[in-house]
């Protein structure tokens, strides 16, 4: 398990080298977190925050990194938080 986390972390850092991309991912993660809270309050806000989450993440990959998001290649994998990487 620990080897898998190390391997995934190296891959994650390789795909997120640009600081602007990491900042966008931080706010994308934040919007996803808040979306889970609003899931129990207002579904429309949850859906809006989900769209914001993907828009920020994909913008970071397409415009700053020039690569495809992992969600396109590995839609079943979970993502690691960038909170400690910024």
PDB file of N, CA and C in Angstrom:
ATOM      1  N   UNK A   1       0.825  -1.196   0.000  1.00  0.00           N
ATOM      2  CA  UNK A   1       0.000   0.000   0.000  1.00  0.00           C
ATOM      3  C   UNK A   1       0.869   1.260   0.000  1.00  0.00           C
ATOM      4  N   UNK A   2       1.890   1.270   0.860  1.00  0.00           N
ATOM      5  CA  UNK A   2       2.751   2.437   0.957  1.00  0.00           C
ATOM      6  C   UNK A   2       3.514   2.676  -0.348  1.00  0.00           C
ATOM      7  N   UNK A   3       3.938   1.602  -0.992  1.00  0.00           N
ATOM      8  CA  UNK A   3       4.623   1.748  -2.282  1.00  0.00           C
ATOM      9  C   UNK A   3       3.696   2.345  -3.330  1.00  0.00           C
ATOM     10  N   UNK A   4       2.440   1.961  -3.300  1.00  0.00           N
ATOM     11  CA  UNK A   4       1.452   2.507  -4.242  1.00  0.00           C
ATOM     12  C   UNK A   4       1.274   4.008  -4.023  1.00  0.00           C
ATOM     13  N   UNK A   5       1.201   4.421  -2.772  1.00  0.00           N
ATOM     14  CA  UNK A   5       1.050   5.843  -2.450  1.00  0.00           C
ATOM     15  C   UNK A   5       2.273   6.617  -2.926  1.00  0.00           C
ATOM     16  N   UNK A   6       3.475   6.071  -2.712  1.00  0.00           N
ATOM     17  CA  UNK A   6       4.692   6.741  -3.179  1.00  0.00           C
ATOM     18  C   UNK A   6       4.702   6.871  -4.696  1.00  0.00           C
ATOM     19  N   UNK A   7       4.341   5.799  -5.379  1.00  0.00           N
ATOM     20  CA  UNK A   7       4.305   5.821  -6.843  1.00  0.00           C
ATOM     21  C   UNK A   7       3.291   6.841  -7.350  1.00  0.00           C
ATOM     22  N   UNK A   8       2.108   6.831  -6.761  1.00  0.00           N
ATOM     23  CA  UNK A   8       1.069   7.781  -7.167  1.00  0.00           C
ATOM     24  C   UNK A   8       1.467   9.216  -6.845  1.00  0.00           C
ATOM     25  N   UNK A   9       2.133   9.413  -5.723  1.00  0.00           N
ATOM     26  CA  UNK A   9       2.578  10.761  -5.349  1.00  0.00           C
ATOM     27  C   UNK A   9       3.607  11.300  -6.337  1.00  0.00           C
ATOM     28  N   UNK A  10       4.555  10.451  -6.754  1.00  0.00           N
ATOM     29  CA  UNK A  10       5.546  10.878  -7.747  1.00  0.00           C
ATOM     30  C   UNK A  10       4.869  11.243  -9.063  1.00  0.00           C
ATOM     31  N   UNK A  11       3.928  10.414  -9.487  1.00  0.00           N
ATOM     32  CA  UNK A  11       3.192  10.689 -10.722  1.00  0.00           C
ATOM     33  C   UNK A  11       2.409  11.990 -10.588  1.00  0.00           C
ATOM     34  N   UNK A  12       1.758  12.173  -9.450  1.00  0.00           N
ATOM     35  CA  UNK A  12       0.960  13.376  -9.206  1.00  0.00           C
ATOM     36  C   UNK A  12       1.832  14.629  -9.274  1.00  0.00           C
ATOM     37  N   UNK A  13       2.979  14.586  -8.630  1.00  0.00           N
ATOM     38  CA  UNK A  13       3.875  15.741  -8.646  1.00  0.00           C
ATOM     39  C   UNK A  13       4.425  16.007 -10.040  1.00  0.00           C
ATOM     40  N   UNK A  14       4.650  14.954 -10.803  1.00  0.00           N
ATOM     41  CA  UNK A  14       5.131  15.111 -12.178  1.00  0.00           C
ATOM     42  C   UNK A  14       4.089  15.804 -13.045  1.00  0.00           C
ATOM     43  N   UNK A  15       2.832  15.508 -12.830  1.00  0.00           N
ATOM     44  CA  UNK A  15       1.742  16.079 -13.620  1.00  0.00           C
ATOM     45  C   UNK A  15       1.314  17.459 -13.124  1.00  0.00           C
ATOM     46  N   UNK A  16       1.826  17.891 -11.985  1.00  0.00           N
ATOM     47  CA  UNK A  16       1.428  19.168 -11.385  1.00  0.00           C
ATOM     48  C   UNK A  16       2.663  19.984 -11.011  1.00  0.00           C
ATOM     49  N   UNK A  17       3.529  20.250 -11.968  1.00  0.00           N
ATOM     50  CA  UNK A  17       4.769  20.964 -11.688  1.00  0.00           C
ATOM     51  C   UNK A  17       4.583  22.484 -11.657  1.00  0.00           C
ATOM     52  N   UNK A  18       3.654  22.988 -12.424  1.00  0.00           N
ATOM     53  CA  UNK A  18       3.448  24.434 -12.503  1.00  0.00           C
ATOM     54  C   UNK A  18       2.714  24.935 -11.258  1.00  0.00           C
ATOM     55  N   UNK A  19       3.244  25.978 -10.652  1.00  0.00           N
ATOM     56  CA  UNK A  19       2.651  26.522  -9.424  1.00  0.00           C
ATOM     57  C   UNK A  19       1.221  27.023  -9.649  1.00  0.00           C
ATOM     58  N   UNK A  20       0.962  27.630 -10.793  1.00  0.00           N
ATOM     59  CA  UNK A  20      -0.396  28.126 -11.073  1.00  0.00           C
ATOM     60  C   UNK A  20      -1.387  26.970 -11.139  1.00  0.00           C
ATOM     61  N   UNK A  21      -0.955  25.863 -11.694  1.00  0.00           N
ATOM     62  CA  UNK A  21      -1.810  24.682 -11.749  1.00  0.00           C
ATOM     63  C   UNK A  21      -2.093  24.161 -10.340  1.00  0.00           C
ATOM     64  N   UNK A  22      -1.090  24.127  -9.487  1.00  0.00           N
ATOM     65  CA  UNK A  22      -1.298  23.660  -8.117  1.00  0.00           C
ATOM     66  C   UNK A  22      -2.242  24.582  -7.357  1.00  0.00           C
ATOM     67  N   UNK A  23      -2.133  25.881  -7.591  1.00  0.00           N
ATOM     68  CA  UNK A  23      -3.035  26.828  -6.932  1.00  0.00           C
ATOM     69  C   UNK A  23      -4.474  26.614  -7.412  1.00  0.00           C
ATOM     70  N   UNK A  24      -4.645  26.440  -8.725  1.00  0.00           N
ATOM     71  CA  UNK A  24      -5.987  26.162  -9.250  1.00  0.00           C
ATOM     72  C   UNK A  24      -6.540  24.863  -8.663  1.00  0.00           C
ATOM     73  N   UNK A  25      -5.686  23.859  -8.523  1.00  0.00           N
ATOM     74  CA  UNK A  25      -6.128  22.595  -7.937  1.00  0.00           C
ATOM     75  C   UNK A  25      -6.491  22.753  -6.463  1.00  0.00           C
ATOM     76  N   UNK A  26      -5.794  23.622  -5.765  1.00  0.00           N
ATOM     77  CA  UNK A  26      -6.144  23.871  -4.369  1.00  0.00           C
ATOM     78  C   UNK A  26      -7.575  24.412  -4.264  1.00  0.00           C
ATOM     79  N   UNK A  27      -7.901  25.401  -5.109  1.00  0.00           N
ATOM     80  CA  UNK A  27      -9.256  25.962  -5.072  1.00  0.00           C
ATOM     81  C   UNK A  27     -10.286  24.981  -5.624  1.00  0.00           C
ATOM     82  N   UNK A  28      -9.876  24.143  -6.554  1.00  0.00           N
ATOM     83  CA  UNK A  28     -10.774  23.097  -7.052  1.00  0.00           C
ATOM     84  C   UNK A  28     -11.099  22.112  -5.929  1.00  0.00           C
ATOM     85  N   UNK A  29     -10.067  21.718  -5.177  1.00  0.00           N
ATOM     86  CA  UNK A  29     -10.279  20.825  -4.042  1.00  0.00           C
ATOM     87  C   UNK A  29     -11.193  21.475  -3.007  1.00  0.00           C
ATOM     88  N   UNK A  30     -10.962  22.754  -2.745  1.00  0.00           N
ATOM     89  CA  UNK A  30     -11.790  23.478  -1.788  1.00  0.00           C
ATOM     90  C   UNK A  30     -13.251  23.519  -2.234  1.00  0.00           C
ATOM     91  N   UNK A  31     -13.490  23.768  -3.516  1.00  0.00           N
ATOM     92  CA  UNK A  31     -14.873  23.805  -4.011  1.00  0.00           C
ATOM     93  C   UNK A  31     -15.518  22.426  -3.929  1.00  0.00           C
ATOM     94  N   UNK A  32     -14.739  21.362  -4.164  1.00  0.00           N
ATOM     95  CA  UNK A  32     -15.291  20.010  -4.037  1.00  0.00           C
ATOM     96  C   UNK A  32     -15.638  19.701  -2.581  1.00  0.00           C
ATOM     97  N   UNK A  33     -14.786  20.138  -1.671  1.00  0.00           N
ATOM     98  CA  UNK A  33     -15.053  19.925  -0.254  1.00  0.00           C
ATOM     99  C   UNK A  33     -16.336  20.638   0.180  1.00  0.00           C
ATOM    100  N   UNK A  34     -16.470  21.891  -0.237  1.00  0.00           N
ATOM    101  CA  UNK A  34     -17.670  22.661   0.110  1.00  0.00           C
ATOM    102  C   UNK A  34     -18.901  22.051  -0.570  1.00  0.00           C
ATOM    103  N   UNK A  35     -18.717  21.495  -1.757  1.00  0.00           N
ATOM    104  CA  UNK A  35     -19.837  20.856  -2.450  1.00  0.00           C
ATOM    105  C   UNK A  35     -20.403  19.694  -1.636  1.00  0.00           C
ATOM    106  N   UNK A  36     -19.511  18.929  -0.986  1.00  0.00           N
ATOM    107  CA  UNK A  36     -19.999  17.833  -0.139  1.00  0.00           C
ATOM    108  C   UNK A  36     -20.829  18.358   1.023  1.00  0.00           C
ATOM    109  N   UNK A  37     -20.473  19.494   1.552  1.00  0.00           N
ATOM    110  CA  UNK A  37     -21.251  20.089   2.644  1.00  0.00           C
ATOM    111  C   UNK A  37     -22.622  20.527   2.123  1.00  0.00           C
ATOM    112  N   UNK A  38     -22.632  21.183   0.956  1.00  0.00           N
ATOM    113  CA  UNK A  38     -23.897  21.671   0.406  1.00  0.00           C
ATOM    114  C   UNK A  38     -24.769  20.558  -0.151  1.00  0.00           C
ATOM    115  N   UNK A  39     -24.234  19.366  -0.271  1.00  0.00           N
ATOM    116  CA  UNK A  39     -25.030  18.235  -0.741  1.00  0.00           C
ATOM    117  C   UNK A  39     -26.271  18.045   0.122  1.00  0.00           C
ATOM    118  N   UNK A  40     -26.143  18.357   1.394  1.00  0.00           N
ATOM    119  CA  UNK A  40     -27.252  18.190   2.324  1.00  0.00           C
ATOM    120  C   UNK A  40     -28.092  19.451   2.487  1.00  0.00           C
ATOM    121  N   UNK A  41     -27.682  20.536   1.835  1.00  0.00           N
ATOM    122  CA  UNK A  41     -28.383  21.809   1.992  1.00  0.00           C
ATOM    123  C   UNK A  41     -29.088  22.224   0.712  1.00  0.00           C
ATOM    124  N   UNK A  42     -28.337  22.263  -0.402  1.00  0.00           N
ATOM    125  CA  UNK A  42     -28.893  22.730  -1.667  1.00  0.00           C
ATOM    126  C   UNK A  42     -28.181  22.031  -2.829  1.00  0.00           C
ATOM    127  N   UNK A  43     -28.899  21.194  -3.541  1.00  0.00           N
ATOM    128  CA  UNK A  43     -28.308  20.400  -4.623  1.00  0.00           C
ATOM    129  C   UNK A  43     -27.826  21.282  -5.776  1.00  0.00           C
ATOM    130  N   UNK A  44     -28.494  22.414  -6.001  1.00  0.00           N
ATOM    131  CA  UNK A  44     -28.066  23.305  -7.085  1.00  0.00           C
ATOM    132  C   UNK A  44     -26.686  23.893  -6.805  1.00  0.00           C
ATOM    133  N   UNK A  45     -26.451  24.276  -5.576  1.00  0.00           N
ATOM    134  CA  UNK A  45     -25.137  24.797  -5.195  1.00  0.00           C
ATOM    135  C   UNK A  45     -24.090  23.691  -5.317  1.00  0.00           C
ATOM    136  N   UNK A  46     -24.463  22.481  -4.930  1.00  0.00           N
ATOM    137  CA  UNK A  46     -23.545  21.346  -5.054  1.00  0.00           C
ATOM    138  C   UNK A  46     -23.139  21.131  -6.503  1.00  0.00           C
ATOM    139  N   UNK A  47     -24.095  21.153  -7.407  1.00  0.00           N
ATOM    140  CA  UNK A  47     -23.788  20.955  -8.821  1.00  0.00           C
ATOM    141  C   UNK A  47     -22.935  22.086  -9.382  1.00  0.00           C
ATOM    142  N   UNK A  48     -23.230  23.308  -8.981  1.00  0.00           N
ATOM    143  CA  UNK A  48     -22.427  24.448  -9.419  1.00  0.00           C
ATOM    144  C   UNK A  48     -20.979  24.320  -8.931  1.00  0.00           C
ATOM    145  N   UNK A  49     -20.807  23.944  -7.675  1.00  0.00           N
ATOM    146  CA  UNK A  49     -19.460  23.773  -7.130  1.00  0.00           C
ATOM    147  C   UNK A  49     -18.722  22.619  -7.799  1.00  0.00           C
ATOM    148  N   UNK A  50     -19.443  21.577  -8.188  1.00  0.00           N
ATOM    149  CA  UNK A  50     -18.817  20.463  -8.911  1.00  0.00           C
ATOM    150  C   UNK A  50     -18.313  20.928 -10.274  1.00  0.00           C
ATOM    151  N   UNK A  51     -19.094  21.746 -10.954  1.00  0.00           N
ATOM    152  CA  UNK A  51     -18.665  22.290 -12.250  1.00  0.00           C
ATOM    153  C   UNK A  51     -17.438  23.184 -12.061  1.00  0.00           C
ATOM    154  N   UNK A  52     -17.447  24.002 -11.026  1.00  0.00           N
ATOM    155  CA  UNK A  52     -16.297  24.869 -10.732  1.00  0.00           C
ATOM    156  C   UNK A  52     -15.064  24.022 -10.439  1.00  0.00           C
ATOM    157  N   UNK A  53     -15.250  22.948  -9.694  1.00  0.00           N
ATOM    158  CA  UNK A  53     -14.142  22.046  -9.368  1.00  0.00           C
ATOM    159  C   UNK A  53     -13.468  21.525 -10.639  1.00  0.00           C
ATOM    160  N   UNK A  54     -14.256  20.966 -11.544  1.00  0.00           N
ATOM    161  CA  UNK A  54     -13.674  20.414 -12.770  1.00  0.00           C
ATOM    162  C   UNK A  54     -13.125  21.508 -13.676  1.00  0.00           C
ATOM    163  N   UNK A  55     -13.790  22.636 -13.755  1.00  0.00           N
ATOM    164  CA  UNK A  55     -13.304  23.725 -14.614  1.00  0.00           C
ATOM    165  C   UNK A  55     -11.924  24.211 -14.155  1.00  0.00           C
ATOM    166  N   UNK A  56     -11.756  24.400 -12.868  1.00  0.00           N
ATOM    167  CA  UNK A  56     -10.467  24.857 -12.354  1.00  0.00           C
ATOM    168  C   UNK A  56      -9.372  23.811 -12.571  1.00  0.00           C
ATOM    169  N   UNK A  57      -9.685  22.560 -12.286  1.00  0.00           N
ATOM    170  CA  UNK A  57      -8.694  21.495 -12.454  1.00  0.00           C
ATOM    171  C   UNK A  57      -8.286  21.345 -13.911  1.00  0.00           C
ATOM    172  N   UNK A  58      -9.250  21.286 -14.790  1.00  0.00           N
ATOM    173  CA  UNK A  58      -8.949  21.081 -16.211  1.00  0.00           C
ATOM    174  C   UNK A  58      -8.251  22.289 -16.814  1.00  0.00           C
ATOM    175  N   UNK A  59      -8.625  23.494 -16.374  1.00  0.00           N
ATOM    176  CA  UNK A  59      -7.957  24.696 -16.865  1.00  0.00           C
ATOM    177  C   UNK A  59      -6.477  24.648 -16.489  1.00  0.00           C
ATOM    178  N   UNK A  60      -6.183  24.229 -15.284  1.00  0.00           N
ATOM    179  CA  UNK A  60      -4.792  24.118 -14.857  1.00  0.00           C
ATOM    180  C   UNK A  60      -4.001  23.139 -15.703  1.00  0.00           C
ATOM    181  N   UNK A  61      -4.612  22.030 -16.047  1.00  0.00           N
ATOM    182  CA  UNK A  61      -3.908  21.035 -16.860  1.00  0.00           C
ATOM    183  C   UNK A  61      -3.756  21.487 -18.308  1.00  0.00           C
ATOM    184  N   UNK A  62      -4.813  21.964 -18.908  1.00  0.00           N
ATOM    185  CA  UNK A  62      -4.767  22.307 -20.324  1.00  0.00           C
ATOM    186  C   UNK A  62      -3.939  23.558 -20.602  1.00  0.00           C
ATOM    187  N   UNK A  63      -4.080  24.588 -19.760  1.00  0.00           N
ATOM    188  CA  UNK A  63      -3.423  25.857 -20.044  1.00  0.00           C
ATOM    189  C   UNK A  63      -2.024  25.990 -19.433  1.00  0.00           C
ATOM    190  N   UNK A  64      -1.817  25.444 -18.252  1.00  0.00           N
ATOM    191  CA  UNK A  64      -0.537  25.642 -17.572  1.00  0.00           C
ATOM    192  C   UNK A  64       0.394  24.438 -17.685  1.00  0.00           C
ATOM    193  N   UNK A  65      -0.139  23.237 -17.651  1.00  0.00           N
ATOM    194  CA  UNK A  65       0.706  22.050 -17.732  1.00  0.00           C
ATOM    195  C   UNK A  65       0.811  21.505 -19.155  1.00  0.00           C
ATOM    196  N   UNK A  66      -0.240  21.690 -19.932  1.00  0.00           N
ATOM    197  CA  UNK A  66      -0.238  21.148 -21.283  1.00  0.00           C
ATOM    198  C   UNK A  66      -0.407  19.641 -21.313  1.00  0.00           C
ATOM    199  N   UNK A  67      -1.094  19.086 -20.317  1.00  0.00           N
ATOM    200  CA  UNK A  67      -1.347  17.650 -20.282  1.00  0.00           C
ATOM    201  C   UNK A  67      -2.822  17.387 -19.986  1.00  0.00           C
ATOM    202  N   UNK A  68      -3.191  16.127 -20.039  1.00  0.00           N
ATOM    203  CA  UNK A  68      -4.575  15.758 -19.754  1.00  0.00           C
ATOM    204  C   UNK A  68      -4.725  15.433 -18.273  1.00  0.00           C
ATOM    205  N   UNK A  69      -5.853  15.804 -17.694  1.00  0.00           N
ATOM    206  CA  UNK A  69      -6.100  15.448 -16.295  1.00  0.00           C
ATOM    207  C   UNK A  69      -6.180  13.933 -16.127  1.00  0.00           C
ATOM    208  N   UNK A  70      -5.806  13.456 -14.966  1.00  0.00           N
ATOM    209  CA  UNK A  70      -5.863  12.025 -14.679  1.00  0.00           C
ATOM    210  C   UNK A  70      -7.299  11.511 -14.729  1.00  0.00           C
ATOM    211  N   UNK A  71      -8.256  12.384 -14.516  1.00  0.00           N
ATOM    212  CA  UNK A  71      -9.659  11.960 -14.570  1.00  0.00           C
ATOM    213  C   UNK A  71     -10.024  11.436 -15.958  1.00  0.00           C
ATOM    214  N   UNK A  72      -9.318  11.883 -16.978  1.00  0.00           N
ATOM    215  CA  UNK A  72      -9.562  11.388 -18.327  1.00  0.00           C
ATOM    216  C   UNK A  72      -8.969  10.001 -18.520  1.00  0.00           C
ATOM    217  N   UNK A  73      -7.786   9.792 -17.946  1.00  0.00           N
ATOM    218  CA  UNK A  73      -7.085   8.515 -18.124  1.00  0.00           C
ATOM    219  C   UNK A  73      -7.486   7.484 -17.091  1.00  0.00           C
ATOM    220  N   UNK A  74      -7.710   7.913 -15.844  1.00  0.00           N
ATOM    221  CA  UNK A  74      -8.021   7.001 -14.748  1.00  0.00           C
ATOM    222  C   UNK A  74      -9.234   7.523 -13.974  1.00  0.00           C
ATOM    223  N   UNK A  75     -10.411   7.437 -14.554  1.00  0.00           N
ATOM    224  CA  UNK A  75     -11.586   8.038 -13.892  1.00  0.00           C
ATOM    225  C   UNK A  75     -11.966   7.355 -12.585  1.00  0.00           C
ATOM    226  N   UNK A  76     -11.488   6.140 -12.351  1.00  0.00           N
ATOM    227  CA  UNK A  76     -11.852   5.410 -11.136  1.00  0.00           C
ATOM    228  C   UNK A  76     -10.914   5.683  -9.967  1.00  0.00           C
ATOM    229  N   UNK A  77      -9.769   6.341 -10.220  1.00  0.00           N
ATOM    230  CA  UNK A  77      -8.800   6.614  -9.149  1.00  0.00           C
ATOM    231  C   UNK A  77      -9.173   7.857  -8.364  1.00  0.00           C
ATOM    232  N   UNK A  78      -8.836   7.832  -7.104  1.00  0.00           N
ATOM    233  CA  UNK A  78      -9.050   9.026  -6.292  1.00  0.00           C
ATOM    234  C   UNK A  78      -7.854   9.953  -6.436  1.00  0.00           C
ATOM    235  N   UNK A  79      -8.036  11.196  -6.074  1.00  0.00           N
ATOM    236  CA  UNK A  79      -6.987  12.207  -6.168  1.00  0.00           C
ATOM    237  C   UNK A  79      -6.416  12.474  -4.781  1.00  0.00           C
ATOM    238  N   UNK A  80      -5.177  12.921  -4.762  1.00  0.00           N
ATOM    239  CA  UNK A  80      -4.564  13.337  -3.513  1.00  0.00           C
ATOM    240  C   UNK A  80      -4.672  14.844  -3.389  1.00  0.00           C
ATOM    241  N   UNK A  81      -4.757  15.300  -2.167  1.00  0.00           N
ATOM    242  CA  UNK A  81      -4.895  16.729  -1.898  1.00  0.00           C
ATOM    243  C   UNK A  81      -3.583  17.463  -2.134  1.00  0.00           C
ATOM    244  N   UNK A  82      -3.686  18.695  -2.630  1.00  0.00           N
ATOM    245  CA  UNK A  82      -2.509  19.524  -2.860  1.00  0.00           C
ATOM    246  C   UNK A  82      -2.269  20.503  -1.718  1.00  0.00           C
ATOM    247  N   UNK A  83      -3.024  20.384  -0.667  1.00  0.00           N
ATOM    248  CA  UNK A  83      -2.926  21.363   0.411  1.00  0.00           C
ATOM    249  C   UNK A  83      -1.489  21.481   0.901  1.00  0.00           C
ATOM    250  N   UNK A  84      -0.780  20.385   1.069  1.00  0.00           N
ATOM    251  CA  UNK A  84       0.576  20.426   1.582  1.00  0.00           C
ATOM    252  C   UNK A  84       1.626  20.718   0.533  1.00  0.00           C
ATOM    253  N   UNK A  85       1.237  20.793  -0.733  1.00  0.00           N
ATOM    254  CA  UNK A  85       2.207  20.954  -1.799  1.00  0.00           C
ATOM    255  C   UNK A  85       2.363  22.385  -2.279  1.00  0.00           C
ATOM    256  N   UNK A  86       1.490  23.269  -1.861  1.00  0.00           N
ATOM    257  CA  UNK A  86       1.546  24.653  -2.341  1.00  0.00           C
ATOM    258  C   UNK A  86       2.519  25.453  -1.512  1.00  0.00           C
TER     259      UNK A  86
END
